[in-house]
Amino acid sequence: MILIDRFLSDEQDPKAVEKVLGKLNDMLTTSEELIYLAVQKKPAVNLLPDCIAVSNKRIFYCEPGNFGITMNFKDISWKSIKEVSFKEELFGSKFICVPLHGENIITEYIPKVQARKLYQAAYEQLESFKEQARIKDLEERRPSASPVTVNAVSPETAPIEEPQAFMPPPAPVFTPAPEVHVEEPEDETTLKLRKLKTLYDKHLITQDEYEAKKADILDAL
């Protein structure tokens, strides 16, 4: 069962969140987890807002239908997404998903704080998927060791070697082994801090959000 409180941290509409989570709970696959949920807030009437949910496997678009009686869901997996972005406007922000094929998916009137956190969650999951796909591709491209074929030579065709004068072997020359520097892979905390700094440098989050998120990451050590 999904706990609703963790998805109300940025003033999301509780009724909309509760309704969406009730449906999504039955749609999640094994090992799939919801990370963030944003709720549309239209400037005039906001009775039937759209919602966008990010999981570790895909993005869900949730749109009320039949005057709120039903809910329409469509999802797009990370392997089908090229990039994500958002654009702040006078009334909220636009969240933009660019698929590998087809038209861009644009959702308007997402509150600015929610749009930033929605983008951050989607960006991190998309980059994580791309990195896993890159590693898998490298492993598949790695050539396998080829067996060595030895051609047999019959005694009749084998060349006759002339005896050679004995020559003492040269004295061994000592060559010190070169120092090997092994770069340790960055741990998960360093990767999170690097991504967080990238978001801050691109002015996608404020300094307060950067410091708060940085403190959360360091506290988790």
N, C-alpha and C. Protein backbone atom coordinates (compact mmCIF):
# COMPACT_ATOMS: atom_id res chain seq x y z
N MET A 1 0.84 -1.20 0.00
CA MET A 1 0.00 0.00 0.00
C MET A 1 0.88 1.25 0.00
N ILE A 2 0.56 2.22 -0.85
CA ILE A 2 1.35 3.44 -0.95
C ILE A 2 0.88 4.44 0.09
N LEU A 3 1.79 5.00 0.87
CA LEU A 3 1.45 6.00 1.86
C LEU A 3 1.29 7.35 1.17
N ILE A 4 0.18 8.04 1.47
CA ILE A 4 -0.16 9.27 0.77
C ILE A 4 0.64 10.47 1.28
N ASP A 5 1.03 10.45 2.56
CA ASP A 5 1.65 11.64 3.17
C ASP A 5 2.92 12.08 2.46
N ARG A 6 3.71 11.15 1.96
CA ARG A 6 4.99 11.50 1.33
C ARG A 6 4.81 12.23 0.00
N PHE A 7 3.57 12.20 -0.54
CA PHE A 7 3.30 12.88 -1.81
C PHE A 7 2.51 14.17 -1.61
N LEU A 8 2.47 14.68 -0.37
CA LEU A 8 1.77 15.93 -0.08
C LEU A 8 2.73 17.00 0.45
N SER A 9 4.03 16.78 0.22
CA SER A 9 5.04 17.68 0.80
C SER A 9 5.09 19.05 0.13
N ASP A 10 4.55 19.18 -1.08
CA ASP A 10 4.64 20.44 -1.82
C ASP A 10 3.26 20.99 -2.18
N GLU A 11 2.34 20.84 -1.23
CA GLU A 11 0.98 21.39 -1.35
C GLU A 11 0.19 20.78 -2.52
N GLN A 12 0.42 19.50 -2.77
CA GLN A 12 -0.40 18.82 -3.77
C GLN A 12 -1.84 18.69 -3.24
N ASP A 13 -2.80 18.65 -4.16
CA ASP A 13 -4.20 18.50 -3.80
C ASP A 13 -4.40 17.11 -3.19
N PRO A 14 -4.76 17.01 -1.89
CA PRO A 14 -4.87 15.69 -1.24
C PRO A 14 -5.90 14.78 -1.91
N LYS A 15 -7.04 15.35 -2.34
CA LYS A 15 -8.07 14.51 -2.95
C LYS A 15 -7.57 13.91 -4.28
N ALA A 16 -6.90 14.75 -5.08
CA ALA A 16 -6.38 14.25 -6.35
C ALA A 16 -5.31 13.19 -6.13
N VAL A 17 -4.42 13.43 -5.17
CA VAL A 17 -3.35 12.47 -4.88
C VAL A 17 -3.92 11.14 -4.40
N GLU A 18 -4.90 11.22 -3.50
CA GLU A 18 -5.49 9.99 -2.97
C GLU A 18 -6.16 9.18 -4.07
N LYS A 19 -6.86 9.87 -4.96
CA LYS A 19 -7.56 9.18 -6.04
C LYS A 19 -6.58 8.53 -7.01
N VAL A 20 -5.52 9.25 -7.36
CA VAL A 20 -4.53 8.72 -8.30
C VAL A 20 -3.76 7.55 -7.70
N LEU A 21 -3.33 7.70 -6.45
CA LEU A 21 -2.56 6.63 -5.82
C LEU A 21 -3.39 5.36 -5.67
N GLY A 22 -4.70 5.52 -5.44
CA GLY A 22 -5.55 4.35 -5.34
C GLY A 22 -5.56 3.53 -6.61
N LYS A 23 -5.47 4.21 -7.76
CA LYS A 23 -5.42 3.51 -9.04
C LYS A 23 -4.01 2.99 -9.34
N LEU A 24 -2.99 3.83 -9.10
CA LEU A 24 -1.62 3.44 -9.44
C LEU A 24 -1.14 2.25 -8.62
N ASN A 25 -1.67 2.11 -7.41
CA ASN A 25 -1.23 1.03 -6.54
C ASN A 25 -1.40 -0.33 -7.19
N ASP A 26 -2.43 -0.46 -8.04
CA ASP A 26 -2.69 -1.74 -8.71
C ASP A 26 -1.96 -1.86 -10.04
N MET A 27 -1.32 -0.77 -10.49
CA MET A 27 -0.66 -0.78 -11.79
C MET A 27 0.85 -0.98 -11.70
N LEU A 28 1.41 -0.80 -10.51
CA LEU A 28 2.86 -0.92 -10.37
C LEU A 28 3.30 -2.37 -10.52
N THR A 29 4.42 -2.57 -11.19
CA THR A 29 4.97 -3.91 -11.39
C THR A 29 5.90 -4.27 -10.24
N THR A 30 6.41 -5.49 -10.29
CA THR A 30 7.35 -5.94 -9.26
C THR A 30 8.59 -5.05 -9.23
N SER A 31 9.01 -4.65 -8.06
CA SER A 31 10.18 -3.79 -7.82
C SER A 31 10.00 -2.37 -8.34
N GLU A 32 8.78 -2.00 -8.75
CA GLU A 32 8.54 -0.63 -9.20
C GLU A 32 8.10 0.23 -8.02
N GLU A 33 8.63 1.45 -7.94
CA GLU A 33 8.36 2.33 -6.82
C GLU A 33 8.09 3.74 -7.32
N LEU A 34 7.04 4.37 -6.78
CA LEU A 34 6.75 5.76 -7.10
C LEU A 34 7.72 6.67 -6.37
N ILE A 35 8.26 7.66 -7.08
CA ILE A 35 9.26 8.56 -6.51
C ILE A 35 8.68 9.95 -6.23
N TYR A 36 7.88 10.48 -7.17
CA TYR A 36 7.30 11.81 -6.98
C TYR A 36 6.00 11.91 -7.75
N LEU A 37 5.10 12.77 -7.26
CA LEU A 37 3.82 12.97 -7.91
C LEU A 37 3.49 14.46 -7.88
N ALA A 38 3.22 15.03 -9.05
CA ALA A 38 2.86 16.44 -9.17
C ALA A 38 1.41 16.56 -9.61
N VAL A 39 0.72 17.58 -9.08
CA VAL A 39 -0.70 17.79 -9.39
C VAL A 39 -0.88 19.15 -10.06
N GLN A 40 -1.57 19.16 -11.16
CA GLN A 40 -1.85 20.39 -11.91
C GLN A 40 -2.68 21.36 -11.06
N LYS A 41 -2.41 22.66 -11.21
CA LYS A 41 -3.19 23.68 -10.50
C LYS A 41 -3.52 24.79 -11.49
N LYS A 42 -4.72 24.71 -12.06
CA LYS A 42 -5.16 25.68 -13.06
C LYS A 42 -5.50 27.00 -12.39
N PRO A 43 -5.29 28.13 -13.09
CA PRO A 43 -5.48 29.44 -12.46
C PRO A 43 -6.92 29.77 -12.12
N ALA A 44 -7.89 29.22 -12.82
CA ALA A 44 -9.28 29.56 -12.56
C ALA A 44 -9.95 28.43 -11.78
N VAL A 45 -10.53 27.49 -12.50
CA VAL A 45 -11.20 26.35 -11.87
C VAL A 45 -10.28 25.15 -11.91
N ASN A 46 -10.08 24.53 -10.75
CA ASN A 46 -9.13 23.41 -10.66
C ASN A 46 -9.81 22.17 -10.09
N LEU A 47 -11.03 21.90 -10.56
CA LEU A 47 -11.80 20.80 -10.01
C LEU A 47 -11.27 19.44 -10.43
N LEU A 48 -10.79 19.33 -11.66
CA LEU A 48 -10.33 18.04 -12.19
C LEU A 48 -8.89 18.17 -12.70
N PRO A 49 -7.92 18.28 -11.80
CA PRO A 49 -6.53 18.47 -12.25
C PRO A 49 -5.91 17.18 -12.79
N ASP A 50 -5.01 17.34 -13.75
CA ASP A 50 -4.19 16.22 -14.22
C ASP A 50 -3.06 15.98 -13.23
N CYS A 51 -2.53 14.77 -13.23
CA CYS A 51 -1.40 14.44 -12.35
C CYS A 51 -0.31 13.75 -13.18
N ILE A 52 0.93 13.95 -12.73
CA ILE A 52 2.07 13.26 -13.34
C ILE A 52 2.84 12.55 -12.23
N ALA A 53 3.05 11.26 -12.39
CA ALA A 53 3.78 10.47 -11.40
C ALA A 53 5.03 9.88 -12.04
N VAL A 54 6.13 9.92 -11.30
CA VAL A 54 7.41 9.37 -11.76
C VAL A 54 7.74 8.15 -10.90
N SER A 55 8.02 7.03 -11.57
CA SER A 55 8.50 5.84 -10.87
C SER A 55 9.90 5.53 -11.37
N ASN A 56 10.50 4.48 -10.81
CA ASN A 56 11.84 4.11 -11.26
C ASN A 56 11.83 3.38 -12.60
N LYS A 57 10.62 3.19 -13.19
CA LYS A 57 10.54 2.50 -14.48
C LYS A 57 9.86 3.31 -15.57
N ARG A 58 9.05 4.33 -15.21
CA ARG A 58 8.30 5.06 -16.22
C ARG A 58 7.68 6.33 -15.66
N ILE A 59 7.03 7.11 -16.56
CA ILE A 59 6.25 8.28 -16.19
C ILE A 59 4.78 7.97 -16.46
N PHE A 60 3.94 8.25 -15.46
CA PHE A 60 2.49 8.07 -15.61
C PHE A 60 1.83 9.43 -15.83
N TYR A 61 0.92 9.51 -16.79
CA TYR A 61 0.08 10.70 -17.00
C TYR A 61 -1.35 10.29 -16.63
N CYS A 62 -1.93 11.00 -15.66
CA CYS A 62 -3.24 10.65 -15.12
C CYS A 62 -4.21 11.79 -15.40
N GLU A 63 -5.25 11.52 -16.20
CA GLU A 63 -6.20 12.55 -16.61
C GLU A 63 -7.62 12.12 -16.24
N PRO A 64 -8.34 12.92 -15.44
CA PRO A 64 -9.73 12.59 -15.09
C PRO A 64 -10.62 12.60 -16.32
N GLY A 65 -11.59 11.71 -16.35
CA GLY A 65 -12.54 11.65 -17.45
C GLY A 65 -13.96 11.52 -16.94
N ASN A 66 -14.93 11.81 -17.81
CA ASN A 66 -16.35 11.70 -17.44
C ASN A 66 -16.66 12.49 -16.17
N PHE A 67 -16.21 13.76 -16.18
CA PHE A 67 -16.46 14.67 -15.06
C PHE A 67 -15.93 14.14 -13.73
N GLY A 68 -14.80 13.47 -13.81
CA GLY A 68 -14.15 12.98 -12.60
C GLY A 68 -14.58 11.60 -12.16
N ILE A 69 -15.51 10.98 -12.88
CA ILE A 69 -15.98 9.65 -12.49
C ILE A 69 -14.92 8.59 -12.79
N THR A 70 -14.23 8.76 -13.91
CA THR A 70 -13.19 7.81 -14.30
C THR A 70 -11.83 8.50 -14.38
N MET A 71 -10.79 7.70 -14.53
CA MET A 71 -9.44 8.23 -14.64
C MET A 71 -8.73 7.54 -15.80
N ASN A 72 -8.19 8.35 -16.70
CA ASN A 72 -7.46 7.82 -17.85
C ASN A 72 -5.96 7.84 -17.56
N PHE A 73 -5.31 6.72 -17.80
CA PHE A 73 -3.87 6.61 -17.54
C PHE A 73 -3.14 6.28 -18.84
N LYS A 74 -2.00 6.91 -19.02
CA LYS A 74 -1.07 6.51 -20.07
C LYS A 74 0.34 6.63 -19.50
N ASP A 75 1.21 5.75 -19.92
CA ASP A 75 2.55 5.76 -19.36
C ASP A 75 3.56 5.64 -20.48
N ILE A 76 4.78 6.06 -20.19
CA ILE A 76 5.88 5.98 -21.15
C ILE A 76 7.14 5.56 -20.38
N SER A 77 7.77 4.49 -20.85
CA SER A 77 8.94 3.94 -20.14
C SER A 77 10.18 4.77 -20.44
N TRP A 78 11.19 4.64 -19.58
CA TRP A 78 12.41 5.43 -19.73
C TRP A 78 13.14 5.09 -21.03
N LYS A 79 13.01 3.85 -21.50
CA LYS A 79 13.71 3.49 -22.74
C LYS A 79 13.11 4.18 -23.96
N SER A 80 11.89 4.74 -23.81
CA SER A 80 11.23 5.42 -24.93
C SER A 80 11.34 6.94 -24.84
N ILE A 81 12.08 7.44 -23.84
CA ILE A 81 12.17 8.89 -23.61
C ILE A 81 13.56 9.39 -24.00
N LYS A 82 13.59 10.48 -24.74
CA LYS A 82 14.85 11.10 -25.14
C LYS A 82 15.35 12.08 -24.08
N GLU A 83 14.46 12.95 -23.60
CA GLU A 83 14.83 13.91 -22.58
C GLU A 83 13.59 14.48 -21.91
N VAL A 84 13.79 15.14 -20.77
CA VAL A 84 12.71 15.83 -20.07
C VAL A 84 13.17 17.26 -19.75
N SER A 85 12.21 18.17 -19.61
CA SER A 85 12.54 19.55 -19.27
C SER A 85 11.30 20.22 -18.69
N PHE A 86 11.47 21.43 -18.18
CA PHE A 86 10.33 22.20 -17.72
C PHE A 86 10.59 23.68 -17.98
N LYS A 87 9.50 24.45 -18.08
CA LYS A 87 9.61 25.87 -18.37
C LYS A 87 8.67 26.63 -17.46
N GLU A 88 9.23 27.54 -16.66
CA GLU A 88 8.40 28.34 -15.76
C GLU A 88 7.69 29.45 -16.52
N GLU A 89 6.42 29.65 -16.18
CA GLU A 89 5.61 30.68 -16.82
C GLU A 89 4.90 31.50 -15.75
N LEU A 90 4.01 32.39 -16.17
CA LEU A 90 3.32 33.26 -15.23
C LEU A 90 2.47 32.45 -14.26
N PHE A 91 1.72 31.49 -14.79
CA PHE A 91 0.90 30.62 -13.95
C PHE A 91 1.50 29.22 -13.96
N GLY A 92 2.37 28.95 -13.02
CA GLY A 92 2.97 27.64 -12.91
C GLY A 92 4.03 27.37 -13.96
N SER A 93 4.20 26.09 -14.29
CA SER A 93 5.24 25.68 -15.23
C SER A 93 4.71 24.62 -16.18
N LYS A 94 5.40 24.50 -17.30
CA LYS A 94 5.14 23.42 -18.25
C LYS A 94 6.16 22.32 -18.01
N PHE A 95 5.68 21.08 -17.92
CA PHE A 95 6.59 19.94 -17.85
C PHE A 95 6.57 19.27 -19.22
N ILE A 96 7.75 19.08 -19.80
CA ILE A 96 7.86 18.62 -21.18
C ILE A 96 8.62 17.29 -21.22
N CYS A 97 8.00 16.29 -21.83
CA CYS A 97 8.63 15.00 -22.04
C CYS A 97 8.83 14.81 -23.54
N VAL A 98 10.07 14.58 -23.96
CA VAL A 98 10.40 14.41 -25.37
C VAL A 98 10.65 12.93 -25.63
N PRO A 99 9.70 12.24 -26.30
CA PRO A 99 9.89 10.81 -26.58
C PRO A 99 10.83 10.60 -27.77
N LEU A 100 11.34 9.39 -27.91
CA LEU A 100 12.19 9.07 -29.06
C LEU A 100 11.39 9.11 -30.36
N HIS A 101 10.12 8.82 -30.27
CA HIS A 101 9.25 8.84 -31.46
C HIS A 101 7.93 9.52 -31.09
N GLY A 102 7.42 10.31 -32.00
CA GLY A 102 6.15 10.97 -31.75
C GLY A 102 6.31 12.39 -31.23
N GLU A 103 5.18 13.01 -30.91
CA GLU A 103 5.17 14.40 -30.47
C GLU A 103 5.52 14.53 -28.99
N ASN A 104 5.99 15.73 -28.62
CA ASN A 104 6.30 16.01 -27.23
C ASN A 104 5.02 15.97 -26.39
N ILE A 105 5.16 15.53 -25.15
CA ILE A 105 4.05 15.49 -24.20
C ILE A 105 4.21 16.67 -23.26
N ILE A 106 3.28 17.62 -23.31
CA ILE A 106 3.39 18.86 -22.53
C ILE A 106 2.22 18.96 -21.56
N THR A 107 2.52 19.18 -20.29
CA THR A 107 1.49 19.38 -19.27
C THR A 107 1.68 20.76 -18.65
N GLU A 108 0.65 21.58 -18.71
CA GLU A 108 0.74 22.96 -18.22
C GLU A 108 0.22 23.07 -16.79
N TYR A 109 0.48 24.24 -16.22
CA TYR A 109 -0.05 24.63 -14.90
C TYR A 109 0.41 23.72 -13.77
N ILE A 110 1.64 23.22 -13.86
CA ILE A 110 2.23 22.50 -12.73
C ILE A 110 2.86 23.55 -11.81
N PRO A 111 2.51 23.58 -10.52
CA PRO A 111 3.14 24.55 -9.61
C PRO A 111 4.66 24.51 -9.71
N LYS A 112 5.30 25.67 -9.61
CA LYS A 112 6.72 25.78 -9.92
C LYS A 112 7.59 24.89 -9.05
N VAL A 113 7.30 24.82 -7.75
CA VAL A 113 8.11 23.97 -6.87
C VAL A 113 7.94 22.50 -7.27
N GLN A 114 6.70 22.11 -7.53
CA GLN A 114 6.46 20.73 -7.94
C GLN A 114 7.12 20.43 -9.29
N ALA A 115 7.09 21.40 -10.20
CA ALA A 115 7.70 21.19 -11.52
C ALA A 115 9.20 20.96 -11.39
N ARG A 116 9.85 21.72 -10.52
CA ARG A 116 11.30 21.54 -10.34
C ARG A 116 11.62 20.16 -9.77
N LYS A 117 10.85 19.75 -8.76
CA LYS A 117 11.12 18.46 -8.14
C LYS A 117 10.72 17.31 -9.07
N LEU A 118 9.66 17.52 -9.85
CA LEU A 118 9.26 16.52 -10.84
C LEU A 118 10.36 16.34 -11.88
N TYR A 119 10.91 17.45 -12.35
CA TYR A 119 12.01 17.39 -13.32
C TYR A 119 13.23 16.71 -12.72
N GLN A 120 13.55 17.06 -11.48
CA GLN A 120 14.73 16.47 -10.83
C GLN A 120 14.59 14.95 -10.72
N ALA A 121 13.41 14.49 -10.29
CA ALA A 121 13.19 13.05 -10.15
C ALA A 121 13.24 12.36 -11.51
N ALA A 122 12.59 12.95 -12.53
CA ALA A 122 12.57 12.35 -13.86
C ALA A 122 13.97 12.35 -14.48
N TYR A 123 14.70 13.44 -14.31
CA TYR A 123 16.05 13.55 -14.88
C TYR A 123 16.98 12.49 -14.28
N GLU A 124 16.92 12.31 -12.96
CA GLU A 124 17.79 11.34 -12.31
C GLU A 124 17.47 9.92 -12.76
N GLN A 125 16.18 9.60 -12.88
CA GLN A 125 15.81 8.25 -13.32
C GLN A 125 16.19 8.01 -14.77
N LEU A 126 16.03 9.03 -15.62
CA LEU A 126 16.38 8.88 -17.04
C LEU A 126 17.89 8.70 -17.20
N GLU A 127 18.69 9.48 -16.48
CA GLU A 127 20.14 9.35 -16.55
C GLU A 127 20.59 8.00 -16.02
N SER A 128 19.94 7.53 -14.96
CA SER A 128 20.29 6.21 -14.41
C SER A 128 20.00 5.11 -15.43
N PHE A 129 18.86 5.21 -16.12
CA PHE A 129 18.53 4.21 -17.14
C PHE A 129 19.54 4.26 -18.29
N LYS A 130 19.90 5.47 -18.74
CA LYS A 130 20.86 5.59 -19.83
C LYS A 130 22.22 4.99 -19.46
N GLU A 131 22.63 5.20 -18.21
CA GLU A 131 23.92 4.67 -17.76
C GLU A 131 23.89 3.14 -17.72
N GLN A 132 22.78 2.57 -17.23
CA GLN A 132 22.66 1.11 -17.20
C GLN A 132 22.65 0.54 -18.62
N ALA A 133 21.97 1.24 -19.54
CA ALA A 133 21.93 0.78 -20.93
C ALA A 133 23.32 0.86 -21.56
N ARG A 134 24.09 1.91 -21.22
CA ARG A 134 25.45 2.05 -21.77
C ARG A 134 26.35 0.92 -21.27
N ILE A 135 26.26 0.60 -19.98
CA ILE A 135 27.08 -0.47 -19.42
C ILE A 135 26.72 -1.81 -20.06
N LYS A 136 25.42 -2.05 -20.23
CA LYS A 136 24.98 -3.30 -20.85
C LYS A 136 25.47 -3.40 -22.28
N ASP A 137 25.44 -2.28 -23.01
CA ASP A 137 25.91 -2.28 -24.40
C ASP A 137 27.40 -2.57 -24.47
N LEU A 138 28.18 -2.00 -23.55
CA LEU A 138 29.62 -2.26 -23.53
C LEU A 138 29.92 -3.73 -23.26
N GLU A 139 29.14 -4.31 -22.34
CA GLU A 139 29.37 -5.72 -22.02
C GLU A 139 29.04 -6.61 -23.22
N GLU A 140 27.99 -6.24 -23.97
CA GLU A 140 27.62 -7.04 -25.13
C GLU A 140 28.63 -6.89 -26.26
N ARG A 141 29.28 -5.72 -26.34
CA ARG A 141 30.26 -5.49 -27.40
C ARG A 141 31.63 -6.09 -27.08
N ARG A 142 31.84 -6.44 -25.82
CA ARG A 142 33.16 -6.96 -25.41
C ARG A 142 33.44 -8.25 -26.17
N PRO A 143 34.56 -8.31 -26.94
CA PRO A 143 34.84 -9.53 -27.75
C PRO A 143 35.22 -10.70 -26.85
N SER A 144 34.75 -11.88 -27.24
CA SER A 144 35.11 -13.09 -26.50
C SER A 144 36.46 -13.60 -26.99
N ALA A 145 37.16 -14.29 -26.12
CA ALA A 145 38.50 -14.81 -26.47
C ALA A 145 38.37 -15.88 -27.54
N SER A 146 39.15 -15.74 -28.63
CA SER A 146 39.10 -16.69 -29.75
C SER A 146 40.09 -17.82 -29.49
N PRO A 147 39.69 -19.08 -29.75
CA PRO A 147 40.62 -20.20 -29.55
C PRO A 147 41.79 -20.14 -30.53
N VAL A 148 42.96 -20.59 -30.08
CA VAL A 148 44.16 -20.57 -30.92
C VAL A 148 44.24 -21.87 -31.69
N THR A 149 44.38 -21.79 -33.01
CA THR A 149 44.46 -22.97 -33.88
C THR A 149 45.92 -23.28 -34.19
N VAL A 150 46.30 -24.51 -33.94
CA VAL A 150 47.68 -24.95 -34.20
C VAL A 150 47.68 -25.86 -35.43
N ASN A 151 48.43 -25.47 -36.45
CA ASN A 151 48.53 -26.27 -37.67
C ASN A 151 49.61 -27.33 -37.52
N ALA A 152 49.22 -28.59 -37.69
CA ALA A 152 50.18 -29.69 -37.58
C ALA A 152 51.09 -29.72 -38.82
N VAL A 153 52.37 -30.05 -38.62
CA VAL A 153 53.34 -30.13 -39.71
C VAL A 153 53.86 -31.56 -39.78
N SER A 154 53.74 -32.18 -40.94
CA SER A 154 54.20 -33.55 -41.10
C SER A 154 55.72 -33.59 -41.16
N PRO A 155 56.32 -34.72 -40.77
CA PRO A 155 57.80 -34.82 -40.81
C PRO A 155 58.37 -34.62 -42.20
N GLU A 156 57.59 -35.02 -43.26
CA GLU A 156 58.11 -34.90 -44.60
C GLU A 156 58.25 -33.45 -45.04
N THR A 157 57.31 -32.60 -44.56
CA THR A 157 57.31 -31.21 -45.01
C THR A 157 57.99 -30.27 -44.04
N ALA A 158 58.36 -30.77 -42.84
CA ALA A 158 58.98 -29.90 -41.85
C ALA A 158 60.36 -29.47 -42.32
N PRO A 159 60.69 -28.19 -42.24
CA PRO A 159 62.02 -27.73 -42.68
C PRO A 159 63.11 -28.25 -41.76
N ILE A 160 64.28 -28.54 -42.35
CA ILE A 160 65.43 -29.04 -41.60
C ILE A 160 66.22 -27.84 -41.09
N GLU A 161 66.36 -27.76 -39.77
CA GLU A 161 67.07 -26.63 -39.16
C GLU A 161 68.57 -26.93 -39.10
N GLU A 162 69.34 -25.95 -39.50
CA GLU A 162 70.80 -26.08 -39.43
C GLU A 162 71.24 -25.92 -37.98
N PRO A 163 72.21 -26.73 -37.54
CA PRO A 163 72.72 -26.56 -36.16
C PRO A 163 73.38 -25.19 -36.02
N GLN A 164 73.12 -24.54 -34.90
CA GLN A 164 73.66 -23.22 -34.63
C GLN A 164 74.65 -23.29 -33.49
N ALA A 165 75.63 -22.38 -33.57
CA ALA A 165 76.63 -22.32 -32.51
C ALA A 165 75.98 -21.88 -31.21
N PHE A 166 76.50 -22.46 -30.11
CA PHE A 166 75.93 -22.13 -28.81
C PHE A 166 76.27 -20.69 -28.44
N MET A 167 75.24 -19.95 -28.07
CA MET A 167 75.42 -18.57 -27.62
C MET A 167 74.84 -18.46 -26.22
N PRO A 168 75.65 -17.98 -25.29
CA PRO A 168 75.11 -17.84 -23.92
C PRO A 168 73.95 -16.83 -23.91
N PRO A 169 72.95 -17.09 -23.12
CA PRO A 169 71.82 -16.16 -23.04
C PRO A 169 72.25 -14.82 -22.45
N PRO A 170 71.65 -13.73 -22.91
CA PRO A 170 72.01 -12.43 -22.36
C PRO A 170 71.61 -12.31 -20.90
N ALA A 171 72.40 -11.51 -20.19
CA ALA A 171 72.12 -11.30 -18.77
C ALA A 171 70.78 -10.60 -18.61
N PRO A 172 69.97 -11.06 -17.66
CA PRO A 172 68.65 -10.42 -17.47
C PRO A 172 68.80 -8.97 -17.02
N VAL A 173 67.95 -8.14 -17.58
CA VAL A 173 67.95 -6.72 -17.22
C VAL A 173 66.73 -6.46 -16.34
N PHE A 174 66.98 -5.94 -15.16
CA PHE A 174 65.88 -5.68 -14.22
C PHE A 174 65.16 -4.38 -14.61
N THR A 175 63.90 -4.50 -14.84
CA THR A 175 63.08 -3.33 -15.15
C THR A 175 61.99 -3.20 -14.09
N PRO A 176 62.01 -2.11 -13.35
CA PRO A 176 60.98 -1.96 -12.29
C PRO A 176 59.59 -1.91 -12.91
N ALA A 177 58.66 -2.56 -12.25
CA ALA A 177 57.27 -2.57 -12.73
C ALA A 177 56.67 -1.17 -12.60
N PRO A 178 55.96 -0.72 -13.63
CA PRO A 178 55.34 0.62 -13.55
C PRO A 178 54.26 0.66 -12.49
N GLU A 179 54.14 1.80 -11.86
CA GLU A 179 53.10 1.97 -10.86
C GLU A 179 51.74 2.02 -11.53
N VAL A 180 50.82 1.31 -10.95
CA VAL A 180 49.46 1.27 -11.49
C VAL A 180 48.55 2.06 -10.58
N HIS A 181 47.93 3.04 -11.16
CA HIS A 181 46.99 3.86 -10.40
C HIS A 181 45.57 3.40 -10.74
N VAL A 182 44.89 2.94 -9.75
CA VAL A 182 43.53 2.45 -9.94
C VAL A 182 42.56 3.49 -9.42
N GLU A 183 41.73 3.96 -10.32
CA GLU A 183 40.71 4.93 -9.92
C GLU A 183 39.52 4.20 -9.33
N GLU A 184 39.24 4.51 -8.09
CA GLU A 184 38.08 3.90 -7.46
C GLU A 184 36.81 4.50 -8.02
N PRO A 185 35.81 3.67 -8.30
CA PRO A 185 34.52 4.23 -8.80
C PRO A 185 33.86 5.10 -7.75
N GLU A 186 33.21 6.15 -8.23
CA GLU A 186 32.52 7.04 -7.30
C GLU A 186 31.36 6.31 -6.64
N ASP A 187 31.22 6.52 -5.34
CA ASP A 187 30.10 5.89 -4.66
C ASP A 187 28.80 6.62 -4.94
N GLU A 188 27.70 6.05 -4.46
CA GLU A 188 26.36 6.59 -4.75
C GLU A 188 26.20 8.00 -4.19
N THR A 189 26.77 8.26 -3.01
CA THR A 189 26.64 9.60 -2.40
C THR A 189 27.33 10.66 -3.26
N THR A 190 28.55 10.34 -3.77
CA THR A 190 29.26 11.29 -4.62
C THR A 190 28.50 11.57 -5.90
N LEU A 191 27.91 10.52 -6.50
CA LEU A 191 27.12 10.72 -7.73
C LEU A 191 25.92 11.61 -7.48
N LYS A 192 25.23 11.41 -6.32
CA LYS A 192 24.08 12.24 -6.01
C LYS A 192 24.49 13.70 -5.82
N LEU A 193 25.61 13.91 -5.12
CA LEU A 193 26.08 15.29 -4.90
C LEU A 193 26.48 15.94 -6.22
N ARG A 194 27.10 15.16 -7.13
CA ARG A 194 27.51 15.72 -8.43
C ARG A 194 26.28 16.13 -9.25
N LYS A 195 25.25 15.26 -9.27
CA LYS A 195 24.03 15.58 -10.02
C LYS A 195 23.33 16.79 -9.41
N LEU A 196 23.32 16.84 -8.06
CA LEU A 196 22.68 17.98 -7.38
C LEU A 196 23.40 19.28 -7.72
N LYS A 197 24.75 19.25 -7.78
CA LYS A 197 25.52 20.46 -8.12
C LYS A 197 25.24 20.87 -9.57
N THR A 198 25.06 19.87 -10.47
CA THR A 198 24.74 20.18 -11.87
C THR A 198 23.42 20.91 -11.98
N LEU A 199 22.42 20.45 -11.22
CA LEU A 199 21.10 21.11 -11.23
C LEU A 199 21.21 22.55 -10.72
N TYR A 200 22.04 22.74 -9.69
CA TYR A 200 22.19 24.08 -9.12
C TYR A 200 22.94 25.00 -10.09
N ASP A 201 23.98 24.47 -10.75
CA ASP A 201 24.74 25.28 -11.70
C ASP A 201 23.90 25.71 -12.89
N LYS A 202 22.90 24.86 -13.25
CA LYS A 202 22.02 25.19 -14.38
C LYS A 202 20.83 26.05 -13.94
N HIS A 203 20.85 26.48 -12.65
CA HIS A 203 19.78 27.33 -12.11
C HIS A 203 18.42 26.65 -12.17
N LEU A 204 18.42 25.30 -12.04
CA LEU A 204 17.15 24.58 -12.03
C LEU A 204 16.60 24.45 -10.61
N ILE A 205 17.45 24.67 -9.61
CA ILE A 205 17.00 24.70 -8.22
C ILE A 205 17.64 25.89 -7.53
N THR A 206 17.01 26.36 -6.47
CA THR A 206 17.53 27.50 -5.74
C THR A 206 18.66 27.06 -4.83
N GLN A 207 19.36 28.07 -4.29
CA GLN A 207 20.46 27.75 -3.38
C GLN A 207 19.95 27.09 -2.11
N ASP A 208 18.78 27.54 -1.62
CA ASP A 208 18.22 26.94 -0.41
C ASP A 208 17.87 25.47 -0.65
N GLU A 209 17.29 25.19 -1.83
CA GLU A 209 16.95 23.81 -2.15
C GLU A 209 18.22 22.97 -2.30
N TYR A 210 19.23 23.58 -2.90
CA TYR A 210 20.50 22.88 -3.07
C TYR A 210 21.11 22.52 -1.71
N GLU A 211 21.14 23.50 -0.79
CA GLU A 211 21.75 23.26 0.51
C GLU A 211 20.94 22.23 1.31
N ALA A 212 19.60 22.31 1.21
CA ALA A 212 18.75 21.40 1.94
C ALA A 212 18.93 19.97 1.44
N LYS A 213 18.93 19.80 0.10
CA LYS A 213 19.09 18.49 -0.50
C LYS A 213 20.49 17.93 -0.21
N LYS A 214 21.48 18.82 -0.24
CA LYS A 214 22.84 18.39 0.05
C LYS A 214 22.94 17.87 1.49
N ALA A 215 22.29 18.61 2.42
CA ALA A 215 22.32 18.20 3.81
C ALA A 215 21.63 16.85 4.00
N ASP A 216 20.51 16.63 3.26
CA ASP A 216 19.80 15.35 3.36
C ASP A 216 20.71 14.20 2.91
N ILE A 217 21.43 14.43 1.81
CA ILE A 217 22.31 13.37 1.28
C ILE A 217 23.44 13.05 2.27
N LEU A 218 24.03 14.11 2.85
CA LEU A 218 25.13 13.91 3.79
C LEU A 218 24.64 13.27 5.09
N ASP A 219 23.42 13.62 5.51
CA ASP A 219 22.88 13.03 6.73
C ASP A 219 22.61 11.54 6.57
N ALA A 220 22.40 11.12 5.31
CA ALA A 220 22.09 9.71 5.06
C ALA A 220 23.33 8.81 5.13
N LEU A 221 24.52 9.43 5.23
CA LEU A 221 25.75 8.63 5.31
C LEU A 221 25.79 7.84 6.62
